PDB file of N, CA and C in Angstrom:
ATOM      1  N   UNK A   1     128.715 113.527  81.685  1.00  0.00           N
ATOM      2  CA  UNK A   1     127.606 114.152  82.362  1.00  0.00           C
ATOM      3  C   UNK A   1     126.235 114.000  82.264  1.00  0.00           C
ATOM      4  N   UNK A   2     125.725 113.253  83.165  1.00  0.00           N
ATOM      5  CA  UNK A   2     124.304 112.812  83.030  1.00  0.00           C
ATOM      6  C   UNK A   2     123.458 114.025  83.075  1.00  0.00           C
ATOM      7  N   UNK A   3     122.685 113.694  81.794  1.00  0.00           N
ATOM      8  CA  UNK A   3     121.917 114.736  81.021  1.00  0.00           C
ATOM      9  C   UNK A   3     120.528 114.171  81.246  1.00  0.00           C
ATOM     10  N   UNK A   4     119.091 114.931  81.222  1.00  0.00           N
ATOM     11  CA  UNK A   4     117.919 114.272  81.608  1.00  0.00           C
ATOM     12  C   UNK A   4     117.467 115.144  80.915  1.00  0.00           C
ATOM     13  N   UNK A   5     116.082 115.124  80.223  1.00  0.00           N
ATOM     14  CA  UNK A   5     115.007 115.819  79.227  1.00  0.00           C
ATOM     15  C   UNK A   5     114.489 116.333  80.598  1.00  0.00           C
ATOM     16  N   UNK A   6     113.956 115.625  82.327  1.00  0.00           N
ATOM     17  CA  UNK A   6     113.731 116.345  83.090  1.00  0.00           C
ATOM     18  C   UNK A   6     113.876 115.343  84.031  1.00  0.00           C
ATOM     19  N   UNK A   7     114.404 116.888  84.506  1.00  0.00           N
ATOM     20  CA  UNK A   7     115.460 116.870  86.189  1.00  0.00           C
ATOM     21  C   UNK A   7     114.571 116.019  87.240  1.00  0.00           C
ATOM     22  N   UNK A   8     115.489 115.255  88.110  1.00  0.00           N
ATOM     23  CA  UNK A   8     114.891 114.700  89.403  1.00  0.00           C
ATOM     24  C   UNK A   8     115.100 115.723  90.076  1.00  0.00           C
ATOM     25  N   UNK A   9     113.827 115.731  90.868  1.00  0.00           N
ATOM     26  CA  UNK A   9     113.579 116.693  92.011  1.00  0.00           C
ATOM     27  C   UNK A   9     113.106 115.731  93.464  1.00  0.00           C
ATOM     28  N   UNK A  10     114.202 116.101  94.466  1.00  0.00           N
ATOM     29  CA  UNK A  10     114.458 115.839  95.626  1.00  0.00           C
ATOM     30  C   UNK A  10     113.324 116.325  96.081  1.00  0.00           C
ATOM     31  N   UNK A  11     112.568 114.707  96.918  1.00  0.00           N
ATOM     32  CA  UNK A  11     111.800 115.282  97.921  1.00  0.00           C
ATOM     33  C   UNK A  11     111.456 114.870  99.252  1.00  0.00           C
ATOM     34  N   UNK A  12     110.942 115.597 100.036  1.00  0.00           N
ATOM     35  CA  UNK A  12     110.692 114.693 101.579  1.00  0.00           C
ATOM     36  C   UNK A  12     109.669 114.514 101.986  1.00  0.00           C
ATOM     37  N   UNK A  13     108.324 114.010 101.366  1.00  0.00           N
ATOM     38  CA  UNK A  13     107.638 114.624 101.588  1.00  0.00           C
ATOM     39  C   UNK A  13     106.522 113.966 101.357  1.00  0.00           C
ATOM     40  N   UNK A  14     106.965 112.845 100.486  1.00  0.00           N
ATOM     41  CA  UNK A  14     105.889 111.876  99.820  1.00  0.00           C
ATOM     42  C   UNK A  14     106.464 110.458 100.025  1.00  0.00           C
ATOM     43  N   UNK A  15     105.373 109.750 100.735  1.00  0.00           N
ATOM     44  CA  UNK A  15     105.481 108.104 101.228  1.00  0.00           C
ATOM     45  C   UNK A  15     104.755 107.502 100.014  1.00  0.00           C
ATOM     46  N   UNK A  16     105.304 105.952  99.872  1.00  0.00           N
ATOM     47  CA  UNK A  16     104.962 104.997  98.702  1.00  0.00           C
ATOM     48  C   UNK A  16     104.349 104.350  99.180  1.00  0.00           C
ATOM     49  N   UNK A  17     103.993 103.076  99.050  1.00  0.00           N
ATOM     50  CA  UNK A  17     102.503 102.006  99.279  1.00  0.00           C
ATOM     51  C   UNK A  17     102.974 101.439  97.996  1.00  0.00           C
ATOM     52  N   UNK A  18     103.771 100.424  97.866  1.00  0.00           N
ATOM     53  CA  UNK A  18     104.419  99.705  96.622  1.00  0.00           C
ATOM     54  C   UNK A  18     103.235  98.157  96.404  1.00  0.00           C
ATOM     55  N   UNK A  19     102.517  97.859  95.867  1.00  0.00           N
ATOM     56  CA  UNK A  19     102.070  96.867  95.303  1.00  0.00           C
ATOM     57  C   UNK A  19     102.783  95.689  94.454  1.00  0.00           C
ATOM     58  N   UNK A  20     103.563  94.467  94.227  1.00  0.00           N
ATOM     59  CA  UNK A  20     104.113  94.156  93.409  1.00  0.00           C
ATOM     60  C   UNK A  20     103.231  92.650  92.688  1.00  0.00           C
ATOM     61  N   UNK A  21     102.027  92.749  93.352  1.00  0.00           N
ATOM     62  CA  UNK A  21     100.771  91.863  92.806  1.00  0.00           C
ATOM     63  C   UNK A  21     100.632  90.612  94.172  1.00  0.00           C
ATOM     64  N   UNK A  22     101.328  91.262  94.731  1.00  0.00           N
ATOM     65  CA  UNK A  22     101.207  90.217  95.971  1.00  0.00           C
ATOM     66  C   UNK A  22     101.235  90.162  97.195  1.00  0.00           C
ATOM     67  N   UNK A  23     102.019  91.276  97.286  1.00  0.00           N
ATOM     68  CA  UNK A  23     101.797  92.017  98.852  1.00  0.00           C
ATOM     69  C   UNK A  23     102.095  93.528  98.457  1.00  0.00           C
ATOM     70  N   UNK A  24     101.928  93.901  99.824  1.00  0.00           N
ATOM     71  CA  UNK A  24     101.952  95.453 100.194  1.00  0.00           C
ATOM     72  C   UNK A  24     103.211  95.860 100.560  1.00  0.00           C
ATOM     73  N   UNK A  25     103.545  97.011 100.268  1.00  0.00           N
ATOM     74  CA  UNK A  25     105.113  97.522 101.221  1.00  0.00           C
ATOM     75  C   UNK A  25     105.109  98.705 101.569  1.00  0.00           C
ATOM     76  N   UNK A  26     105.966  99.349 102.193  1.00  0.00           N
ATOM     77  CA  UNK A  26     105.674 100.425 102.005  1.00  0.00           C
ATOM     78  C   UNK A  26     107.538 101.751 102.091  1.00  0.00           C
ATOM     79  N   UNK A  27     107.315 102.613 101.149  1.00  0.00           N
ATOM     80  CA  UNK A  27     108.694 102.967 101.308  1.00  0.00           C
ATOM     81  C   UNK A  27     108.641 104.805 101.507  1.00  0.00           C
ATOM     82  N   UNK A  28     109.393 105.534 101.433  1.00  0.00           N
ATOM     83  CA  UNK A  28     109.728 106.672 101.128  1.00  0.00           C
ATOM     84  C   UNK A  28     110.364 107.422  99.468  1.00  0.00           C
ATOM     85  N   UNK A  29     109.662 108.006  99.435  1.00  0.00           N
ATOM     86  CA  UNK A  29     110.086 108.553  98.194  1.00  0.00           C
ATOM     87  C   UNK A  29     111.569 109.772  98.355  1.00  0.00           C
ATOM     88  N   UNK A  30     112.660 109.718  97.367  1.00  0.00           N
ATOM     89  CA  UNK A  30     113.493 110.495  97.460  1.00  0.00           C
ATOM     90  C   UNK A  30     113.858 111.250  96.432  1.00  0.00           C
ATOM     91  N   UNK A  31     113.333 111.003  95.025  1.00  0.00           N
ATOM     92  CA  UNK A  31     113.367 111.418  94.263  1.00  0.00           C
ATOM     93  C   UNK A  31     112.123 111.410  92.965  1.00  0.00           C
ATOM     94  N   UNK A  32     112.014 112.440  92.379  1.00  0.00           N
ATOM     95  CA  UNK A  32     110.543 112.219  91.539  1.00  0.00           C
ATOM     96  C   UNK A  32     111.367 113.215  90.035  1.00  0.00           C
ATOM     97  N   UNK A  33     110.636 112.610  89.566  1.00  0.00           N
ATOM     98  CA  UNK A  33     110.686 113.447  87.492  1.00  0.00           C
ATOM     99  C   UNK A  33     109.459 113.346  87.357  1.00  0.00           C
ATOM    100  N   UNK A  34     109.068 113.660  85.583  1.00  0.00           N
ATOM    101  CA  UNK A  34     107.777 113.712  85.710  1.00  0.00           C
ATOM    102  C   UNK A  34     107.537 112.366  85.220  1.00  0.00           C
ATOM    103  N   UNK A  35     108.584 111.568  84.438  1.00  0.00           N
ATOM    104  CA  UNK A  35     108.492 109.954  84.044  1.00  0.00           C
ATOM    105  C   UNK A  35     109.110 109.220  84.896  1.00  0.00           C
ATOM    106  N   UNK A  36     109.775 109.369  86.118  1.00  0.00           N
ATOM    107  CA  UNK A  36     110.314 108.473  87.143  1.00  0.00           C
ATOM    108  C   UNK A  36     110.418 109.004  88.164  1.00  0.00           C
ATOM    109  N   UNK A  37     110.499 107.862  89.334  1.00  0.00           N
ATOM    110  CA  UNK A  37     111.067 108.090  90.499  1.00  0.00           C
ATOM    111  C   UNK A  37     111.723 107.065  91.278  1.00  0.00           C
ATOM    112  N   UNK A  38     112.479 107.285  92.346  1.00  0.00           N
ATOM    113  CA  UNK A  38     113.047 106.748  93.252  1.00  0.00           C
ATOM    114  C   UNK A  38     112.672 106.458  94.484  1.00  0.00           C
ATOM    115  N   UNK A  39     112.148 105.162  94.942  1.00  0.00           N
ATOM    116  CA  UNK A  39     111.930 104.908  96.450  1.00  0.00           C
ATOM    117  C   UNK A  39     112.939 104.288  97.255  1.00  0.00           C
ATOM    118  N   UNK A  40     112.886 104.632  98.491  1.00  0.00           N
ATOM    119  CA  UNK A  40     113.871 103.842  99.361  1.00  0.00           C
ATOM    120  C   UNK A  40     113.051 103.409 100.851  1.00  0.00           C
ATOM    121  N   UNK A  41     114.014 102.408 101.275  1.00  0.00           N
ATOM    122  CA  UNK A  41     113.186 101.837 102.646  1.00  0.00           C
ATOM    123  C   UNK A  41     112.659 101.332 102.355  1.00  0.00           C
ATOM    124  N   UNK A  42     112.405 100.122 101.487  1.00  0.00           N
ATOM    125  CA  UNK A  42     111.258  99.607 101.282  1.00  0.00           C
ATOM    126  C   UNK A  42     111.117  98.238 101.648  1.00  0.00           C
ATOM    127  N   UNK A  43     110.758  97.112 102.086  1.00  0.00           N
ATOM    128  CA  UNK A  43     111.235  95.904 102.943  1.00  0.00           C
ATOM    129  C   UNK A  43     111.736  94.861 101.265  1.00  0.00           C
ATOM    130  N   UNK A  44     113.060  94.214 101.934  1.00  0.00           N
ATOM    131  CA  UNK A  44     113.844  93.766 100.897  1.00  0.00           C
ATOM    132  C   UNK A  44     112.622  93.219 100.063  1.00  0.00           C
ATOM    133  N   UNK A  45     111.714  92.088 100.898  1.00  0.00           N
ATOM    134  CA  UNK A  45     110.758  91.054 100.465  1.00  0.00           C
ATOM    135  C   UNK A  45     110.142  91.338  98.996  1.00  0.00           C
ATOM    136  N   UNK A  46     109.711  92.758  98.308  1.00  0.00           N
ATOM    137  CA  UNK A  46     109.172  93.287  97.486  1.00  0.00           C
ATOM    138  C   UNK A  46     109.967  92.868  96.382  1.00  0.00           C
ATOM    139  N   UNK A  47     108.690  91.829  96.238  1.00  0.00           N
ATOM    140  CA  UNK A  47     109.490  91.094  94.087  1.00  0.00           C
ATOM    141  C   UNK A  47     110.468  91.762  93.384  1.00  0.00           C
ATOM    142  N   UNK A  48     111.538  91.458  92.975  1.00  0.00           N
ATOM    143  CA  UNK A  48     112.339  92.182  92.141  1.00  0.00           C
ATOM    144  C   UNK A  48     111.934  91.762  90.540  1.00  0.00           C
ATOM    145  N   UNK A  49     111.555  90.380  90.779  1.00  0.00           N
ATOM    146  CA  UNK A  49     110.869  90.045  89.578  1.00  0.00           C
ATOM    147  C   UNK A  49     109.275  90.353  88.760  1.00  0.00           C
ATOM    148  N   UNK A  50     108.791  91.003  89.557  1.00  0.00           N
ATOM    149  CA  UNK A  50     107.510  91.674  88.950  1.00  0.00           C
ATOM    150  C   UNK A  50     107.996  92.176  88.087  1.00  0.00           C
ATOM    151  N   UNK A  51     107.048  92.890  87.039  1.00  0.00           N
ATOM    152  CA  UNK A  51     107.009  93.393  85.566  1.00  0.00           C
ATOM    153  C   UNK A  51     106.809  95.118  86.459  1.00  0.00           C
ATOM    154  N   UNK A  52     105.690  95.247  87.005  1.00  0.00           N
ATOM    155  CA  UNK A  52     105.068  96.168  86.847  1.00  0.00           C
ATOM    156  C   UNK A  52     104.762  96.352  88.482  1.00  0.00           C
ATOM    157  N   UNK A  53     104.590  97.752  89.325  1.00  0.00           N
ATOM    158  CA  UNK A  53     104.464  97.799  90.570  1.00  0.00           C
ATOM    159  C   UNK A  53     102.743  99.146  90.130  1.00  0.00           C
ATOM    160  N   UNK A  54     102.056  98.797  91.106  1.00  0.00           N
ATOM    161  CA  UNK A  54     101.561 100.093  91.695  1.00  0.00           C
ATOM    162  C   UNK A  54     101.463 100.804  92.995  1.00  0.00           C
ATOM    163  N   UNK A  55     101.774 102.007  92.792  1.00  0.00           N
ATOM    164  CA  UNK A  55     102.278 102.933  93.613  1.00  0.00           C
ATOM    165  C   UNK A  55     101.256 103.679  94.339  1.00  0.00           C
ATOM    166  N   UNK A  56     100.741 104.063  95.058  1.00  0.00           N
ATOM    167  CA  UNK A  56     100.268 105.201  95.955  1.00  0.00           C
ATOM    168  C   UNK A  56     101.209 105.902  96.788  1.00  0.00           C
ATOM    169  N   UNK A  57     101.205 106.947  96.291  1.00  0.00           N
ATOM    170  CA  UNK A  57     101.942 108.105  96.715  1.00  0.00           C
ATOM    171  C   UNK A  57     100.975 109.308  97.614  1.00  0.00           C
ATOM    172  N   UNK A  58     101.323 109.241  99.005  1.00  0.00           N
ATOM    173  CA  UNK A  58     100.857 110.373  99.858  1.00  0.00           C
ATOM    174  C   UNK A  58     101.535 111.300 100.492  1.00  0.00           C
ATOM    175  N   UNK A  59     101.038 112.436 100.422  1.00  0.00           N
ATOM    176  CA  UNK A  59     102.053 113.518 101.108  1.00  0.00           C
ATOM    177  C   UNK A  59     100.804 114.689 101.457  1.00  0.00           C
ATOM    178  N   UNK A  60     101.452 115.985 102.074  1.00  0.00           N
ATOM    179  CA  UNK A  60     100.742 116.514 102.494  1.00  0.00           C
ATOM    180  C   UNK A  60      99.734 117.059 101.237  1.00  0.00           C
ATOM    181  N   UNK A  61      98.680 117.250 101.344  1.00  0.00           N
ATOM    182  CA  UNK A  61      97.336 117.848  99.968  1.00  0.00           C
ATOM    183  C   UNK A  61      97.798 116.968  99.092  1.00  0.00           C
ATOM    184  N   UNK A  62      98.497 116.036  98.933  1.00  0.00           N
ATOM    185  CA  UNK A  62      98.499 115.247  97.457  1.00  0.00           C
ATOM    186  C   UNK A  62      98.488 113.576  97.564  1.00  0.00           C
ATOM    187  N   UNK A  63      98.139 112.835  96.585  1.00  0.00           N
ATOM    188  CA  UNK A  63      97.813 111.830  96.712  1.00  0.00           C
ATOM    189  C   UNK A  63      97.702 111.380  95.475  1.00  0.00           C
ATOM    190  N   UNK A  64      98.390 110.555  94.889  1.00  0.00           N
ATOM    191  CA  UNK A  64      98.441 110.298  93.372  1.00  0.00           C
ATOM    192  C   UNK A  64      98.562 108.577  93.753  1.00  0.00           C
ATOM    193  N   UNK A  65      97.973 107.911  92.492  1.00  0.00           N
ATOM    194  CA  UNK A  65      98.270 106.572  91.951  1.00  0.00           C
ATOM    195  C   UNK A  65      99.075 106.344  90.440  1.00  0.00           C
ATOM    196  N   UNK A  66     100.171 105.629  90.726  1.00  0.00           N
ATOM    197  CA  UNK A  66     100.762 105.737  89.243  1.00  0.00           C
ATOM    198  C   UNK A  66     101.193 103.924  89.159  1.00  0.00           C
ATOM    199  N   UNK A  67     101.532 103.306  87.973  1.00  0.00           N
ATOM    200  CA  UNK A  67     101.320 102.510  87.249  1.00  0.00           C
ATOM    201  C   UNK A  67     103.343 102.768  87.098  1.00  0.00           C
ATOM    202  N   UNK A  68     104.298 102.125  87.721  1.00  0.00           N
ATOM    203  CA  UNK A  68     105.334 102.135  87.294  1.00  0.00           C
ATOM    204  C   UNK A  68     105.925 100.228  87.270  1.00  0.00           C
ATOM    205  N   UNK A  69     107.551 100.919  86.440  1.00  0.00           N
ATOM    206  CA  UNK A  69     108.179  99.518  85.255  1.00  0.00           C
ATOM    207  C   UNK A  69     109.449  99.481  86.756  1.00  0.00           C
ATOM    208  N   UNK A  70     109.478  98.969  87.262  1.00  0.00           N
ATOM    209  CA  UNK A  70     111.279  99.227  88.239  1.00  0.00           C
ATOM    210  C   UNK A  70     112.321  99.108  87.150  1.00  0.00           C
ATOM    211  N   UNK A  71     113.411  99.778  87.262  1.00  0.00           N
ATOM    212  CA  UNK A  71     114.433  99.660  86.020  1.00  0.00           C
ATOM    213  C   UNK A  71     115.674  99.260  86.800  1.00  0.00           C
ATOM    214  N   UNK A  72     115.981  99.564  88.038  1.00  0.00           N
ATOM    215  CA  UNK A  72     116.886  99.009  89.084  1.00  0.00           C
ATOM    216  C   UNK A  72     116.537  99.082  90.485  1.00  0.00           C
ATOM    217  N   UNK A  73     117.137  98.570  91.019  1.00  0.00           N
ATOM    218  CA  UNK A  73     117.539  98.197  92.808  1.00  0.00           C
ATOM    219  C   UNK A  73     118.281  97.871  93.598  1.00  0.00           C
ATOM    220  N   UNK A  74     118.653  98.273  94.847  1.00  0.00           N
ATOM    221  CA  UNK A  74     119.677  98.217  95.502  1.00  0.00           C
ATOM    222  C   UNK A  74     119.167  97.512  97.162  1.00  0.00           C
ATOM    223  N   UNK A  75     120.351  96.768  97.176  1.00  0.00           N
ATOM    224  CA  UNK A  75     119.637  96.106  98.004  1.00  0.00           C
ATOM    225  C   UNK A  75     120.572  96.224  99.694  1.00  0.00           C
ATOM    226  N   UNK A  76     120.216  96.475 100.395  1.00  0.00           N
ATOM    227  CA  UNK A  76     120.887  96.624 101.803  1.00  0.00           C
ATOM    228  C   UNK A  76     120.605  96.168 103.084  1.00  0.00           C
ATOM    229  N   UNK A  77     121.100  95.273 103.215  1.00  0.00           N
ATOM    230  CA  UNK A  77     120.605  94.291 104.362  1.00  0.00           C
ATOM    231  C   UNK A  77     119.384  93.790 103.975  1.00  0.00           C
ATOM    232  N   UNK A  78     117.801  94.161 105.067  1.00  0.00           N
ATOM    233  CA  UNK A  78     116.935  93.252 104.670  1.00  0.00           C
ATOM    234  C   UNK A  78     116.000  95.054 104.042  1.00  0.00           C
ATOM    235  N   UNK A  79     116.668  95.830 103.523  1.00  0.00           N
ATOM    236  CA  UNK A  79     115.522  96.666 103.036  1.00  0.00           C
ATOM    237  C   UNK A  79     115.991  97.332 101.694  1.00  0.00           C
ATOM    238  N   UNK A  80     115.509  97.541 100.525  1.00  0.00           N
ATOM    239  CA  UNK A  80     116.178  98.274  99.776  1.00  0.00           C
ATOM    240  C   UNK A  80     115.397  99.385  99.055  1.00  0.00           C
ATOM    241  N   UNK A  81     116.226  99.990  97.824  1.00  0.00           N
ATOM    242  CA  UNK A  81     115.839 101.089  97.346  1.00  0.00           C
ATOM    243  C   UNK A  81     115.797 100.979  95.938  1.00  0.00           C
ATOM    244  N   UNK A  82     115.162 101.522  94.847  1.00  0.00           N
ATOM    245  CA  UNK A  82     114.446 100.955  93.433  1.00  0.00           C
ATOM    246  C   UNK A  82     114.358 102.403  92.839  1.00  0.00           C
ATOM    247  N   UNK A  83     114.632 102.145  91.578  1.00  0.00           N
ATOM    248  CA  UNK A  83     114.038 103.544  90.425  1.00  0.00           C
ATOM    249  C   UNK A  83     112.974 102.507  89.373  1.00  0.00           C
ATOM    250  N   UNK A  84     112.186 103.513  88.516  1.00  0.00           N
ATOM    251  CA  UNK A  84     111.485 103.335  88.361  1.00  0.00           C
ATOM    252  C   UNK A  84     111.292 104.235  87.349  1.00  0.00           C
ATOM    253  N   UNK A  85     110.298 103.524  86.170  1.00  0.00           N
ATOM    254  CA  UNK A  85     110.130 104.394  84.747  1.00  0.00           C
ATOM    255  C   UNK A  85     108.032 104.550  85.093  1.00  0.00           C
ATOM    256  N   UNK A  86     107.590 105.607  85.141  1.00  0.00           N
ATOM    257  CA  UNK A  86     106.024 105.713  85.675  1.00  0.00           C
ATOM    258  C   UNK A  86     105.561 105.497  84.160  1.00  0.00           C
ATOM    259  N   UNK A  87     105.081 104.324  83.977  1.00  0.00           N
ATOM    260  CA  UNK A  87     104.040 103.807  82.849  1.00  0.00           C
ATOM    261  C   UNK A  87     102.435 104.229  82.970  1.00  0.00           C
ATOM    262  N   UNK A  88     102.070 104.690  83.820  1.00  0.00           N
ATOM    263  CA  UNK A  88     100.791 104.947  83.963  1.00  0.00           C
ATOM    264  C   UNK A  88     100.359 106.451  85.221  1.00  0.00           C
ATOM    265  N   UNK A  89     100.043 107.626  84.820  1.00  0.00           N
ATOM    266  CA  UNK A  89     100.169 108.063  86.125  1.00  0.00           C
ATOM    267  C   UNK A  89      98.584 109.504  85.645  1.00  0.00           C
ATOM    268  N   UNK A  90      98.310 110.103  86.453  1.00  0.00           N
ATOM    269  CA  UNK A  90      97.386 111.100  85.803  1.00  0.00           C
ATOM    270  C   UNK A  90      98.030 112.412  86.159  1.00  0.00           C
ATOM    271  N   UNK A  91      97.501 113.523  85.130  1.00  0.00           N
ATOM    272  CA  UNK A  91      97.807 114.443  84.830  1.00  0.00           C
ATOM    273  C   UNK A  91      97.948 115.300  85.897  1.00  0.00           C
ATOM    274  N   UNK A  92      97.367 115.105  86.784  1.00  0.00           N
ATOM    275  CA  UNK A  92      97.968 116.117  88.418  1.00  0.00           C
ATOM    276  C   UNK A  92      99.166 115.443  88.592  1.00  0.00           C
ATOM    277  N   UNK A  93      99.979 114.436  88.742  1.00  0.00           N
ATOM    278  CA  UNK A  93     101.735 113.994  88.880  1.00  0.00           C
ATOM    279  C   UNK A  93     102.213 115.090  88.586  1.00  0.00           C
ATOM    280  N   UNK A  94     101.926 115.082  87.068  1.00  0.00           N
ATOM    281  CA  UNK A  94     102.812 115.768  86.072  1.00  0.00           C
ATOM    282  C   UNK A  94     102.440 117.534  86.166  1.00  0.00           C
ATOM    283  N   UNK A  95     101.586 117.924  86.810  1.00  0.00           N
ATOM    284  CA  UNK A  95     101.545 119.221  86.840  1.00  0.00           C
ATOM    285  C   UNK A  95     102.205 119.637  88.567  1.00  0.00           C
ATOM    286  N   UNK A  96     102.297 118.334  89.231  1.00  0.00           N
ATOM    287  CA  UNK A  96     102.883 118.284  90.781  1.00  0.00           C
ATOM    288  C   UNK A  96     104.433 118.536  90.423  1.00  0.00           C
ATOM    289  N   UNK A  97     104.908 117.994  89.662  1.00  0.00           N
ATOM    290  CA  UNK A  97     106.206 117.518  89.320  1.00  0.00           C
ATOM    291  C   UNK A  97     106.578 119.095  88.805  1.00  0.00           C
ATOM    292  N   UNK A  98     106.047 119.746  88.107  1.00  0.00           N
ATOM    293  CA  UNK A  98     106.497 120.714  86.596  1.00  0.00           C
ATOM    294  C   UNK A  98     106.705 121.702  87.932  1.00  0.00           C
ATOM    295  N   UNK A  99     105.448 121.843  88.917  1.00  0.00           N
ATOM    296  CA  UNK A  99     105.333 122.503  90.210  1.00  0.00           C
ATOM    297  C   UNK A  99     106.815 122.873  90.785  1.00  0.00           C
ATOM    298  N   UNK A 100     107.605 121.594  91.100  1.00  0.00           N
ATOM    299  CA  UNK A 100     108.826 121.822  92.033  1.00  0.00           C
ATOM    300  C   UNK A 100     109.748 121.440  90.872  1.00  0.00           C
ATOM    301  N   UNK A 101     109.893 122.031  89.739  1.00  0.00           N
ATOM    302  CA  UNK A 101     110.752 121.982  89.420  1.00  0.00           C
ATOM    303  C   UNK A 101     111.644 123.252  89.048  1.00  0.00           C
ATOM    304  N   UNK A 102     112.888 123.016  88.885  1.00  0.00           N
ATOM    305  CA  UNK A 102     113.516 124.580  89.205  1.00  0.00           C
ATOM    306  C   UNK A 102     113.308 125.371  87.663  1.00  0.00           C
ATOM    307  N   UNK A 103     113.400 126.780  88.240  1.00  0.00           N
ATOM    308  CA  UNK A 103     112.782 128.055  86.788  1.00  0.00           C
ATOM    309  C   UNK A 103     114.030 127.376  86.141  1.00  0.00           C
ATOM    310  N   UNK A 104     114.101 127.377  84.390  1.00  0.00           N
ATOM    311  CA  UNK A 104     115.372 127.402  83.757  1.00  0.00           C
ATOM    312  C   UNK A 104     114.935 128.676  83.365  1.00  0.00           C
ATOM    313  N   UNK A 105     116.153 129.568  82.968  1.00  0.00           N
ATOM    314  CA  UNK A 105     115.940 130.537  82.080  1.00  0.00           C
ATOM    315  C   UNK A 105     116.577 130.220  80.813  1.00  0.00           C
TER     316      UNK A 105
END
């Protein structure tokens, strides 16, 4: 069973602009957690060898700039999905994610 300290939260309203240090790409955020996220529908040209990506997330009433380290990627044709560990984020990101996490008893 997959146990996590901080659960993934499915989201449907966040868009991502990603820079690999050479170019900019757009994608759709699939899920988030306090320390990671998964982004889908990214052009395959995103540099898989980059150590870090700069990611700007936009959604209804929210805007975040994150520095992330890619940890996995799946490519399908001309698009890919990837998961990343968040290396640097503002406090407002943690507050945002905590507000979306399910309540536990």
